[in-house]
N, C-alpha and C. Protein backbone atom coordinates (compact mmCIF):
# COMPACT_ATOMS: atom_id res chain seq x y z
N UNK A 1 82.36 89.42 101.71
CA UNK A 1 83.34 88.71 102.54
C UNK A 1 83.22 87.21 102.31
N UNK A 2 84.32 86.49 102.16
CA UNK A 2 84.26 85.06 101.94
C UNK A 2 83.43 84.36 103.01
N UNK A 3 82.69 83.35 102.61
CA UNK A 3 81.74 82.73 103.51
C UNK A 3 82.41 82.03 104.69
N UNK A 4 83.66 81.61 104.55
CA UNK A 4 84.33 80.89 105.63
C UNK A 4 84.96 81.81 106.67
N UNK A 5 84.99 83.12 106.36
CA UNK A 5 85.66 84.03 107.29
C UNK A 5 84.63 84.79 108.11
N UNK A 6 84.82 84.81 109.43
CA UNK A 6 83.95 85.54 110.33
C UNK A 6 84.79 86.52 111.13
N UNK A 7 84.24 87.70 111.42
CA UNK A 7 84.98 88.66 112.24
C UNK A 7 85.47 87.99 113.53
N UNK A 8 86.73 88.26 113.87
CA UNK A 8 87.27 87.68 115.09
C UNK A 8 88.02 86.38 114.87
N UNK A 9 87.94 85.81 113.68
CA UNK A 9 88.66 84.57 113.38
C UNK A 9 89.90 84.90 112.56
N UNK A 10 90.85 83.97 112.52
CA UNK A 10 92.07 84.17 111.74
C UNK A 10 91.77 84.18 110.25
N UNK A 11 92.50 85.00 109.52
CA UNK A 11 92.41 85.02 108.07
C UNK A 11 93.21 83.85 107.53
N UNK A 12 92.56 82.98 106.79
CA UNK A 12 93.22 81.78 106.27
C UNK A 12 93.90 82.12 104.94
N UNK A 13 95.20 81.84 104.86
CA UNK A 13 96.00 82.22 103.68
C UNK A 13 96.63 81.00 103.03
N UNK A 14 96.52 80.94 101.72
CA UNK A 14 97.26 79.97 100.90
C UNK A 14 98.44 80.70 100.29
N UNK A 15 99.62 80.12 100.38
CA UNK A 15 100.85 80.74 99.89
C UNK A 15 101.43 79.90 98.75
N UNK A 16 101.58 80.51 97.56
CA UNK A 16 102.16 79.82 96.41
C UNK A 16 103.44 80.54 95.99
N UNK A 17 104.57 79.87 96.19
CA UNK A 17 105.89 80.43 95.90
C UNK A 17 106.82 79.26 95.61
N UNK A 18 107.54 79.31 94.48
CA UNK A 18 108.35 78.16 94.10
C UNK A 18 109.70 78.10 94.80
N UNK A 19 110.17 79.18 95.39
CA UNK A 19 111.43 79.16 96.12
C UNK A 19 111.16 78.76 97.58
N UNK A 20 111.60 77.56 97.93
CA UNK A 20 111.25 77.00 99.22
C UNK A 20 111.67 77.86 100.41
N UNK A 21 112.86 78.43 100.36
CA UNK A 21 113.34 79.24 101.48
C UNK A 21 112.48 80.48 101.66
N UNK A 22 112.16 81.15 100.54
CA UNK A 22 111.33 82.34 100.60
C UNK A 22 109.92 81.99 101.06
N UNK A 23 109.40 80.88 100.54
CA UNK A 23 108.05 80.45 100.94
C UNK A 23 107.98 80.21 102.44
N UNK A 24 109.00 79.52 102.98
CA UNK A 24 109.03 79.26 104.41
C UNK A 24 109.15 80.53 105.23
N UNK A 25 109.98 81.46 104.75
CA UNK A 25 110.16 82.72 105.47
C UNK A 25 108.88 83.54 105.49
N UNK A 26 108.20 83.60 104.35
CA UNK A 26 106.93 84.33 104.29
C UNK A 26 105.89 83.71 105.21
N UNK A 27 105.81 82.38 105.19
CA UNK A 27 104.84 81.70 106.04
C UNK A 27 105.12 81.97 107.51
N UNK A 28 106.41 81.97 107.87
CA UNK A 28 106.80 82.22 109.26
C UNK A 28 106.44 83.64 109.68
N UNK A 29 106.78 84.61 108.83
CA UNK A 29 106.52 86.01 109.16
C UNK A 29 105.04 86.31 109.23
N UNK A 30 104.28 85.79 108.27
CA UNK A 30 102.84 86.02 108.29
C UNK A 30 102.20 85.33 109.49
N UNK A 31 102.74 84.17 109.86
CA UNK A 31 102.21 83.45 111.00
C UNK A 31 102.40 84.18 112.31
N UNK A 32 103.30 85.15 112.35
CA UNK A 32 103.51 85.95 113.56
C UNK A 32 102.42 87.00 113.73
N UNK A 33 101.68 87.27 112.65
CA UNK A 33 100.56 88.21 112.76
C UNK A 33 99.44 87.55 113.56
N UNK A 34 98.83 88.26 114.50
CA UNK A 34 97.85 87.64 115.38
C UNK A 34 96.57 87.17 114.70
N UNK A 35 96.27 87.74 113.53
CA UNK A 35 95.00 87.42 112.87
C UNK A 35 95.18 86.70 111.53
N UNK A 36 96.38 86.19 111.25
CA UNK A 36 96.64 85.52 109.97
C UNK A 36 97.17 84.11 110.23
N UNK A 37 96.64 83.14 109.49
CA UNK A 37 97.09 81.76 109.59
C UNK A 37 97.36 81.22 108.18
N UNK A 38 98.59 80.80 107.92
CA UNK A 38 98.92 80.18 106.64
C UNK A 38 98.48 78.72 106.70
N UNK A 39 97.42 78.40 105.97
CA UNK A 39 96.83 77.05 106.06
C UNK A 39 97.35 76.12 104.98
N UNK A 40 98.01 76.65 103.93
CA UNK A 40 98.53 75.80 102.86
C UNK A 40 99.69 76.50 102.17
N UNK A 41 100.71 75.71 101.79
CA UNK A 41 101.85 76.20 101.04
C UNK A 41 102.07 75.29 99.84
N UNK A 42 102.22 75.87 98.64
CA UNK A 42 102.49 75.08 97.44
C UNK A 42 103.64 75.72 96.68
N UNK A 43 104.35 74.89 95.92
CA UNK A 43 105.49 75.37 95.16
C UNK A 43 105.28 75.35 93.66
N UNK A 44 104.08 74.97 93.20
CA UNK A 44 103.79 74.89 91.77
C UNK A 44 102.41 75.47 91.49
N UNK A 45 102.29 76.10 90.34
CA UNK A 45 101.02 76.73 90.01
C UNK A 45 99.86 75.77 89.84
N UNK A 46 100.16 74.57 89.31
CA UNK A 46 99.07 73.64 89.07
C UNK A 46 98.60 72.93 90.34
N UNK A 47 99.20 73.27 91.48
CA UNK A 47 98.74 72.73 92.77
C UNK A 47 97.85 73.72 93.52
N UNK A 48 97.72 74.93 92.99
CA UNK A 48 97.02 76.00 93.71
C UNK A 48 95.53 75.71 93.88
N UNK A 49 94.85 75.39 92.80
CA UNK A 49 93.40 75.22 92.86
C UNK A 49 93.03 74.06 93.78
N UNK A 50 93.72 72.93 93.64
CA UNK A 50 93.42 71.78 94.50
C UNK A 50 93.63 72.14 95.97
N UNK A 51 94.70 72.87 96.26
CA UNK A 51 94.96 73.25 97.65
C UNK A 51 93.89 74.21 98.16
N UNK A 52 93.42 75.10 97.29
CA UNK A 52 92.37 76.04 97.69
C UNK A 52 91.06 75.32 97.96
N UNK A 53 90.73 74.36 97.13
CA UNK A 53 89.48 73.62 97.34
C UNK A 53 89.55 72.76 98.59
N UNK A 54 90.75 72.29 98.94
CA UNK A 54 90.91 71.45 100.12
C UNK A 54 90.93 72.27 101.41
N UNK A 55 91.66 73.38 101.41
CA UNK A 55 91.89 74.13 102.65
C UNK A 55 90.99 75.35 102.81
N UNK A 56 90.29 75.75 101.74
CA UNK A 56 89.34 76.86 101.79
C UNK A 56 89.94 78.14 102.37
N UNK A 57 91.03 78.65 101.78
CA UNK A 57 91.62 79.90 102.28
C UNK A 57 90.72 81.10 101.98
N UNK A 58 90.88 82.13 102.79
CA UNK A 58 90.20 83.40 102.52
C UNK A 58 90.95 84.19 101.47
N UNK A 59 92.28 84.08 101.49
CA UNK A 59 93.15 84.83 100.57
C UNK A 59 94.22 83.89 100.02
N UNK A 60 94.44 83.95 98.70
CA UNK A 60 95.53 83.21 98.07
C UNK A 60 96.61 84.21 97.68
N UNK A 61 97.80 83.99 98.20
CA UNK A 61 98.95 84.86 97.93
C UNK A 61 99.81 84.15 96.90
N UNK A 62 99.84 84.67 95.66
CA UNK A 62 100.43 83.94 94.54
C UNK A 62 101.59 84.67 93.91
N UNK A 63 102.68 83.94 93.68
CA UNK A 63 103.75 84.43 92.81
C UNK A 63 103.25 84.30 91.37
N UNK A 64 103.91 84.97 90.43
CA UNK A 64 103.50 84.87 89.03
C UNK A 64 104.21 83.72 88.33
N UNK A 65 105.53 83.71 88.38
CA UNK A 65 106.29 82.72 87.62
C UNK A 65 106.47 81.45 88.46
N UNK A 66 105.58 80.50 88.21
CA UNK A 66 105.56 79.23 88.94
C UNK A 66 105.63 78.07 87.96
N UNK A 67 106.22 76.96 88.34
CA UNK A 67 106.20 75.78 87.46
C UNK A 67 104.78 75.22 87.36
N UNK A 68 104.48 74.65 86.20
CA UNK A 68 103.18 74.00 86.00
C UNK A 68 102.12 74.93 85.49
N UNK A 69 101.93 76.07 86.12
CA UNK A 69 100.93 77.06 85.73
C UNK A 69 101.33 78.39 86.34
N UNK A 70 101.19 79.47 85.61
CA UNK A 70 101.54 80.77 86.17
C UNK A 70 100.53 81.18 87.23
N UNK A 71 100.96 82.08 88.10
CA UNK A 71 100.04 82.59 89.10
C UNK A 71 98.87 83.34 88.49
N UNK A 72 99.09 83.95 87.33
CA UNK A 72 98.01 84.67 86.65
C UNK A 72 96.95 83.70 86.14
N UNK A 73 97.40 82.59 85.56
CA UNK A 73 96.45 81.58 85.09
C UNK A 73 95.73 80.94 86.28
N UNK A 74 96.46 80.72 87.36
CA UNK A 74 95.84 80.14 88.55
C UNK A 74 94.81 81.08 89.15
N UNK A 75 95.06 82.39 89.07
CA UNK A 75 94.10 83.37 89.58
C UNK A 75 92.77 83.26 88.84
N UNK A 76 92.86 83.10 87.53
CA UNK A 76 91.64 82.95 86.73
C UNK A 76 90.91 81.66 87.09
N UNK A 77 91.67 80.58 87.33
CA UNK A 77 91.05 79.32 87.73
C UNK A 77 90.39 79.44 89.10
N UNK A 78 91.02 80.14 90.01
CA UNK A 78 90.42 80.34 91.33
C UNK A 78 89.13 81.13 91.25
N UNK A 79 89.11 82.13 90.38
CA UNK A 79 87.89 82.92 90.23
C UNK A 79 86.73 82.04 89.81
N UNK A 80 87.02 81.03 88.96
CA UNK A 80 85.96 80.14 88.48
C UNK A 80 85.59 79.07 89.50
N UNK A 81 86.59 78.51 90.19
CA UNK A 81 86.34 77.36 91.04
C UNK A 81 86.26 77.66 92.53
N UNK A 82 86.85 78.76 92.96
CA UNK A 82 86.80 79.14 94.38
C UNK A 82 86.58 80.64 94.48
N UNK A 83 85.40 81.11 94.04
CA UNK A 83 85.16 82.55 93.94
C UNK A 83 85.19 83.29 95.27
N UNK A 84 85.05 82.59 96.40
CA UNK A 84 85.11 83.25 97.70
C UNK A 84 86.54 83.57 98.13
N UNK A 85 87.52 83.01 97.43
CA UNK A 85 88.93 83.22 97.78
C UNK A 85 89.44 84.46 97.05
N UNK A 86 89.91 85.44 97.80
CA UNK A 86 90.49 86.64 97.20
C UNK A 86 91.94 86.36 96.81
N UNK A 87 92.38 86.90 95.69
CA UNK A 87 93.73 86.64 95.18
C UNK A 87 94.58 87.90 95.29
N UNK A 88 95.76 87.72 95.86
CA UNK A 88 96.73 88.80 95.97
C UNK A 88 98.02 88.32 95.30
N UNK A 89 98.43 89.01 94.25
CA UNK A 89 99.65 88.66 93.53
C UNK A 89 100.83 89.34 94.21
N UNK A 90 101.86 88.54 94.51
CA UNK A 90 103.09 89.06 95.11
C UNK A 90 104.25 88.59 94.23
N UNK A 91 104.95 89.52 93.61
CA UNK A 91 105.94 89.12 92.61
C UNK A 91 107.20 89.98 92.66
N UNK A 92 108.27 89.41 92.18
CA UNK A 92 109.52 90.16 91.99
C UNK A 92 109.40 91.07 90.78
N UNK A 93 108.54 90.68 89.84
CA UNK A 93 108.49 91.36 88.54
C UNK A 93 107.36 92.38 88.50
N UNK A 94 107.69 93.64 88.86
CA UNK A 94 106.70 94.70 88.84
C UNK A 94 106.53 95.27 87.45
N UNK A 95 105.92 94.49 86.57
CA UNK A 95 105.77 94.90 85.17
C UNK A 95 104.33 95.33 84.91
N UNK A 96 104.16 96.47 84.23
CA UNK A 96 102.80 96.96 83.96
C UNK A 96 101.91 95.93 83.28
N UNK A 97 102.47 95.18 82.34
CA UNK A 97 101.66 94.17 81.65
C UNK A 97 101.15 93.10 82.58
N UNK A 98 101.97 92.72 83.57
CA UNK A 98 101.55 91.73 84.56
C UNK A 98 100.38 92.26 85.38
N UNK A 99 100.44 93.54 85.76
CA UNK A 99 99.37 94.12 86.56
C UNK A 99 98.04 94.07 85.79
N UNK A 100 98.08 94.48 84.54
CA UNK A 100 96.86 94.45 83.74
C UNK A 100 96.30 93.03 83.63
N UNK A 101 97.17 92.08 83.39
CA UNK A 101 96.72 90.69 83.27
C UNK A 101 96.18 90.15 84.60
N UNK A 102 96.80 90.57 85.69
CA UNK A 102 96.33 90.13 87.00
C UNK A 102 94.92 90.64 87.27
N UNK A 103 94.68 91.89 86.96
CA UNK A 103 93.35 92.46 87.19
C UNK A 103 92.32 91.79 86.28
N UNK A 104 92.70 91.51 85.05
CA UNK A 104 91.80 90.81 84.13
C UNK A 104 91.48 89.40 84.62
N UNK A 105 92.44 88.78 85.34
CA UNK A 105 92.24 87.43 85.86
C UNK A 105 91.42 87.42 87.15
N UNK A 106 91.11 88.61 87.67
CA UNK A 106 90.29 88.68 88.87
C UNK A 106 91.05 88.89 90.16
N UNK A 107 92.35 89.20 90.08
CA UNK A 107 93.12 89.44 91.30
C UNK A 107 92.61 90.69 92.01
N UNK A 108 92.66 90.65 93.34
CA UNK A 108 92.22 91.79 94.15
C UNK A 108 93.38 92.69 94.55
N UNK A 109 94.60 92.23 94.31
CA UNK A 109 95.75 93.04 94.68
C UNK A 109 97.00 92.61 93.95
N UNK A 110 97.98 93.52 93.91
CA UNK A 110 99.24 93.26 93.21
C UNK A 110 100.33 94.04 93.91
N UNK A 111 101.28 93.31 94.52
CA UNK A 111 102.39 93.94 95.24
C UNK A 111 103.70 93.32 94.80
N UNK A 112 104.77 94.10 94.90
CA UNK A 112 106.10 93.57 94.62
C UNK A 112 106.74 93.11 95.93
N UNK A 113 107.72 92.20 95.82
CA UNK A 113 108.25 91.51 97.00
C UNK A 113 109.19 92.34 97.86
N UNK A 114 109.56 93.53 97.43
CA UNK A 114 110.55 94.28 98.20
C UNK A 114 109.94 95.11 99.32
N UNK A 115 108.62 94.99 99.54
CA UNK A 115 107.97 95.73 100.61
C UNK A 115 108.08 95.02 101.95
N UNK A 116 107.81 95.71 103.05
CA UNK A 116 107.86 95.10 104.37
C UNK A 116 106.70 94.14 104.59
N UNK A 117 106.90 93.15 105.47
CA UNK A 117 105.86 92.16 105.71
C UNK A 117 104.62 92.80 106.34
N UNK A 118 104.81 93.90 107.07
CA UNK A 118 103.66 94.59 107.65
C UNK A 118 102.73 95.13 106.56
N UNK A 119 103.34 95.59 105.47
CA UNK A 119 102.55 96.08 104.34
C UNK A 119 101.80 94.94 103.68
N UNK A 120 102.44 93.79 103.58
CA UNK A 120 101.79 92.61 103.00
C UNK A 120 100.62 92.16 103.88
N UNK A 121 100.83 92.12 105.18
CA UNK A 121 99.76 91.71 106.09
C UNK A 121 98.59 92.68 106.00
N UNK A 122 98.89 93.97 105.91
CA UNK A 122 97.82 94.96 105.78
C UNK A 122 97.05 94.77 104.48
N UNK A 123 97.77 94.44 103.40
CA UNK A 123 97.13 94.21 102.11
C UNK A 123 96.20 93.00 102.17
N UNK A 124 96.62 91.94 102.86
CA UNK A 124 95.79 90.75 103.02
C UNK A 124 94.49 91.12 103.72
N UNK A 125 94.58 91.92 104.77
CA UNK A 125 93.38 92.34 105.49
C UNK A 125 92.48 93.20 104.60
N UNK A 126 93.08 94.06 103.82
CA UNK A 126 92.31 94.99 102.99
C UNK A 126 91.57 94.27 101.86
N UNK A 127 92.24 93.33 101.19
CA UNK A 127 91.55 92.64 100.09
C UNK A 127 90.40 91.80 100.62
N UNK A 128 90.52 91.34 101.87
CA UNK A 128 89.46 90.54 102.46
C UNK A 128 88.20 91.36 102.70
N UNK A 129 88.37 92.66 102.89
CA UNK A 129 87.21 93.54 103.09
C UNK A 129 86.61 94.01 101.78
N UNK A 130 87.21 93.60 100.66
CA UNK A 130 86.67 93.99 99.36
C UNK A 130 87.46 95.05 98.64
N UNK A 131 88.52 95.55 99.25
CA UNK A 131 89.35 96.56 98.59
C UNK A 131 90.24 95.94 97.52
N UNK A 132 90.66 96.78 96.59
CA UNK A 132 91.69 96.41 95.63
C UNK A 132 92.98 97.12 96.02
N UNK A 133 94.04 96.36 96.17
CA UNK A 133 95.30 96.92 96.66
C UNK A 133 96.37 96.75 95.58
N UNK A 134 96.90 97.87 95.10
CA UNK A 134 97.91 97.83 94.03
C UNK A 134 99.05 98.76 94.40
N UNK A 135 100.27 98.30 94.17
CA UNK A 135 101.45 99.13 94.37
C UNK A 135 101.28 100.43 93.58
N UNK A 136 101.30 101.60 94.23
CA UNK A 136 100.99 102.87 93.56
C UNK A 136 101.88 103.17 92.36
N UNK A 137 103.18 102.95 92.49
CA UNK A 137 104.10 103.24 91.38
C UNK A 137 103.79 102.36 90.18
N UNK A 138 103.46 101.11 90.45
CA UNK A 138 103.16 100.18 89.37
C UNK A 138 101.84 100.55 88.69
N UNK A 139 100.87 100.99 89.47
CA UNK A 139 99.58 101.40 88.90
C UNK A 139 99.78 102.56 87.93
N UNK A 140 100.62 103.52 88.32
CA UNK A 140 100.90 104.67 87.45
C UNK A 140 101.59 104.22 86.17
N UNK A 141 102.56 103.31 86.31
CA UNK A 141 103.28 102.81 85.13
C UNK A 141 102.36 102.05 84.19
N UNK A 142 101.43 101.29 84.76
CA UNK A 142 100.50 100.50 83.93
C UNK A 142 99.58 101.41 83.13
N UNK A 143 99.14 102.49 83.75
CA UNK A 143 98.27 103.43 83.03
C UNK A 143 99.02 104.10 81.88
N UNK A 144 100.30 104.38 82.12
CA UNK A 144 101.11 105.02 81.09
C UNK A 144 101.45 104.07 79.95
N UNK A 145 101.64 102.79 80.28
CA UNK A 145 102.07 101.82 79.28
C UNK A 145 100.97 101.42 78.32
N UNK A 146 99.73 101.42 78.77
CA UNK A 146 98.64 100.99 77.91
C UNK A 146 98.55 99.48 77.81
N UNK A 147 97.54 98.98 77.13
CA UNK A 147 97.33 97.53 77.02
C UNK A 147 98.34 96.86 76.09
N UNK A 148 98.45 95.56 76.20
CA UNK A 148 99.33 94.80 75.31
C UNK A 148 98.84 94.89 73.88
N UNK A 149 99.74 95.10 72.92
CA UNK A 149 99.34 95.14 71.51
C UNK A 149 99.21 93.75 70.90
N UNK A 150 99.64 92.72 71.63
CA UNK A 150 99.68 91.36 71.08
C UNK A 150 98.33 90.66 71.22
N UNK A 151 97.97 89.91 70.20
CA UNK A 151 96.77 89.08 70.28
C UNK A 151 97.09 87.81 71.07
N UNK A 152 96.04 87.08 71.43
CA UNK A 152 96.25 85.84 72.15
C UNK A 152 97.10 84.85 71.39
N UNK A 153 96.85 84.72 70.08
CA UNK A 153 97.62 83.77 69.28
C UNK A 153 99.07 84.22 69.10
N UNK A 154 99.29 85.52 68.99
CA UNK A 154 100.67 86.00 68.90
C UNK A 154 101.42 85.69 70.20
N UNK A 155 100.74 85.80 71.32
CA UNK A 155 101.36 85.43 72.59
C UNK A 155 101.66 83.93 72.62
N UNK A 156 100.74 83.14 72.10
CA UNK A 156 100.95 81.68 72.09
C UNK A 156 102.21 81.30 71.32
N UNK A 157 102.39 81.89 70.13
CA UNK A 157 103.55 81.50 69.32
C UNK A 157 104.85 82.01 69.94
N UNK A 158 104.80 83.18 70.59
CA UNK A 158 106.01 83.67 71.25
C UNK A 158 106.37 82.80 72.44
N UNK A 159 105.39 82.37 73.21
CA UNK A 159 105.66 81.47 74.34
C UNK A 159 106.30 80.17 73.85
N UNK A 160 105.85 79.71 72.68
CA UNK A 160 106.37 78.45 72.13
C UNK A 160 107.80 78.59 71.65
N UNK A 161 108.30 79.83 71.53
CA UNK A 161 109.66 80.06 71.07
C UNK A 161 110.69 79.93 72.18
N UNK A 162 110.24 79.83 73.44
CA UNK A 162 111.14 79.93 74.58
C UNK A 162 112.30 78.95 74.50
N UNK A 163 112.03 77.73 74.11
CA UNK A 163 113.09 76.71 74.07
C UNK A 163 113.74 76.58 72.70
N UNK A 164 113.62 77.60 71.87
CA UNK A 164 114.24 77.57 70.56
C UNK A 164 113.54 76.66 69.57
N UNK A 165 112.25 76.46 69.74
CA UNK A 165 111.49 75.59 68.84
C UNK A 165 111.48 76.15 67.42
N UNK A 166 111.47 75.25 66.44
CA UNK A 166 111.38 75.66 65.05
C UNK A 166 109.95 76.03 64.71
N UNK A 167 109.76 76.65 63.56
CA UNK A 167 108.41 76.99 63.10
C UNK A 167 107.57 75.72 62.99
N UNK A 168 108.18 74.65 62.49
CA UNK A 168 107.46 73.38 62.37
C UNK A 168 107.03 72.86 63.74
N UNK A 169 107.92 72.96 64.71
CA UNK A 169 107.59 72.53 66.08
C UNK A 169 106.41 73.33 66.64
N UNK A 170 106.48 74.63 66.45
CA UNK A 170 105.42 75.51 66.97
C UNK A 170 104.10 75.19 66.29
N UNK A 171 104.15 75.02 64.98
CA UNK A 171 102.93 74.72 64.22
C UNK A 171 102.30 73.42 64.70
N UNK A 172 103.12 72.41 64.91
CA UNK A 172 102.59 71.12 65.38
C UNK A 172 102.02 71.24 66.78
N UNK A 173 102.71 71.97 67.65
CA UNK A 173 102.26 72.09 69.03
C UNK A 173 100.98 72.89 69.18
N UNK A 174 100.78 73.87 68.30
CA UNK A 174 99.60 74.73 68.39
C UNK A 174 98.51 74.35 67.37
N UNK A 175 98.78 73.30 66.60
CA UNK A 175 97.82 72.83 65.59
C UNK A 175 97.50 73.94 64.57
N UNK A 176 98.57 74.57 64.10
CA UNK A 176 98.44 75.62 63.09
C UNK A 176 99.31 75.25 61.90
N UNK A 177 99.07 75.90 60.77
CA UNK A 177 99.95 75.69 59.63
C UNK A 177 101.23 76.50 59.85
N UNK A 178 102.30 76.08 59.17
CA UNK A 178 103.56 76.80 59.32
C UNK A 178 103.46 78.23 58.80
N UNK A 179 102.71 78.43 57.74
CA UNK A 179 102.56 79.79 57.21
C UNK A 179 101.82 80.69 58.19
N UNK A 180 100.84 80.13 58.89
CA UNK A 180 100.10 80.91 59.89
C UNK A 180 101.03 81.28 61.05
N UNK A 181 101.86 80.34 61.47
CA UNK A 181 102.82 80.63 62.55
C UNK A 181 103.77 81.74 62.12
N UNK A 182 104.25 81.68 60.89
CA UNK A 182 105.16 82.72 60.40
C UNK A 182 104.47 84.08 60.40
N UNK A 183 103.19 84.11 60.01
CA UNK A 183 102.45 85.37 60.00
C UNK A 183 102.32 85.94 61.41
N UNK A 184 101.99 85.08 62.38
CA UNK A 184 101.87 85.53 63.76
C UNK A 184 103.21 86.04 64.30
N UNK A 185 104.28 85.33 63.98
CA UNK A 185 105.60 85.75 64.43
C UNK A 185 106.00 87.08 63.82
N UNK A 186 105.74 87.24 62.53
CA UNK A 186 106.06 88.49 61.85
C UNK A 186 105.30 89.66 62.46
N UNK A 187 104.03 89.43 62.75
CA UNK A 187 103.22 90.48 63.36
C UNK A 187 103.73 90.83 64.75
N UNK A 188 104.08 89.81 65.54
CA UNK A 188 104.57 90.05 66.90
C UNK A 188 105.90 90.79 66.88
N UNK A 189 106.77 90.43 65.94
CA UNK A 189 108.05 91.12 65.81
C UNK A 189 107.83 92.59 65.49
N UNK A 190 106.90 92.86 64.59
CA UNK A 190 106.60 94.24 64.23
C UNK A 190 106.04 95.04 65.41
N UNK A 191 105.13 94.43 66.15
CA UNK A 191 104.50 95.13 67.27
C UNK A 191 105.47 95.39 68.43
N UNK A 192 106.44 94.52 68.59
CA UNK A 192 107.42 94.72 69.67
C UNK A 192 108.62 95.54 69.24
N UNK A 193 108.69 95.87 67.96
CA UNK A 193 109.80 96.68 67.47
C UNK A 193 111.14 95.99 67.56
N UNK A 194 111.13 94.68 67.34
CA UNK A 194 112.35 93.89 67.46
C UNK A 194 112.76 93.33 66.10
N UNK A 195 113.89 92.57 66.09
CA UNK A 195 114.44 92.10 64.82
C UNK A 195 114.14 90.65 64.52
N UNK A 196 113.82 89.87 65.54
CA UNK A 196 113.55 88.45 65.31
C UNK A 196 112.65 87.93 66.41
N UNK A 197 112.26 86.67 66.30
CA UNK A 197 111.26 86.14 67.23
C UNK A 197 111.79 86.00 68.66
N UNK A 198 113.09 85.70 68.82
CA UNK A 198 113.63 85.57 70.17
C UNK A 198 113.68 86.94 70.86
N UNK A 199 114.04 87.96 70.11
CA UNK A 199 114.02 89.31 70.67
C UNK A 199 112.58 89.71 71.00
N UNK A 200 111.65 89.34 70.13
CA UNK A 200 110.24 89.66 70.37
C UNK A 200 109.74 88.97 71.64
N UNK A 201 110.12 87.71 71.81
CA UNK A 201 109.71 86.97 73.00
C UNK A 201 110.26 87.63 74.26
N UNK A 202 111.54 88.00 74.22
CA UNK A 202 112.16 88.62 75.40
C UNK A 202 111.53 89.98 75.71
N UNK A 203 111.24 90.76 74.67
CA UNK A 203 110.63 92.08 74.90
C UNK A 203 109.22 91.92 75.45
N UNK A 204 108.47 90.96 74.93
CA UNK A 204 107.12 90.73 75.42
C UNK A 204 107.15 90.29 76.88
N UNK A 205 108.13 89.47 77.25
CA UNK A 205 108.26 89.08 78.66
C UNK A 205 108.66 90.27 79.54
N UNK A 206 109.56 91.09 79.02
CA UNK A 206 109.99 92.27 79.80
C UNK A 206 108.82 93.20 80.09
N UNK A 207 107.93 93.32 79.13
CA UNK A 207 106.77 94.17 79.30
C UNK A 207 105.66 93.53 80.15
N UNK A 208 105.79 92.22 80.39
CA UNK A 208 104.75 91.53 81.14
C UNK A 208 103.57 91.11 80.29
N UNK A 209 103.76 91.05 78.97
CA UNK A 209 102.66 90.65 78.07
C UNK A 209 102.52 89.14 77.97
N UNK A 210 103.56 88.41 78.33
CA UNK A 210 103.51 86.94 78.29
C UNK A 210 103.44 86.38 79.70
């Protein structure tokens, strides 16, 4: 149990969500629970760790797709810098690849946003006791899908394709030669069963590998 939380006290929650209206609604609904207190709200991934170190939440409730840093990357940073804070991923994108990456980053739970707030509150309580809470349908899909076939570098070059960057742009940004970038792109295209790098990038995102 996190060192700042004692039985009988409110569970301190950090909420990271880039959509302001949704963030406010979640904070309001969770605040109605008698044993939960939202102590910090952030709208960007790169603000999560600083907010956690300042407010010392028991549980960090993180979206995945955030500006500045993804919730998955922030989860890994929290594991290193605020290990007493349990991480619960709450996302619109119930993709098997995201679930695997969340667990690898040290998340204690993974839920999709279409569930009732009572279920979310229960999940917050459960992860605080040391349980791992995962949407059952998504867990089954993740087991069926298997791990990502892409290497770390193949993911890097596909991410760099998002804004239509040229091979030269990608090579400069990743400090690689252009021939190496082409090799990584070719391999990623083959593994995703697509025809070009933009299709490969989209398929990798759809699967939750990026």
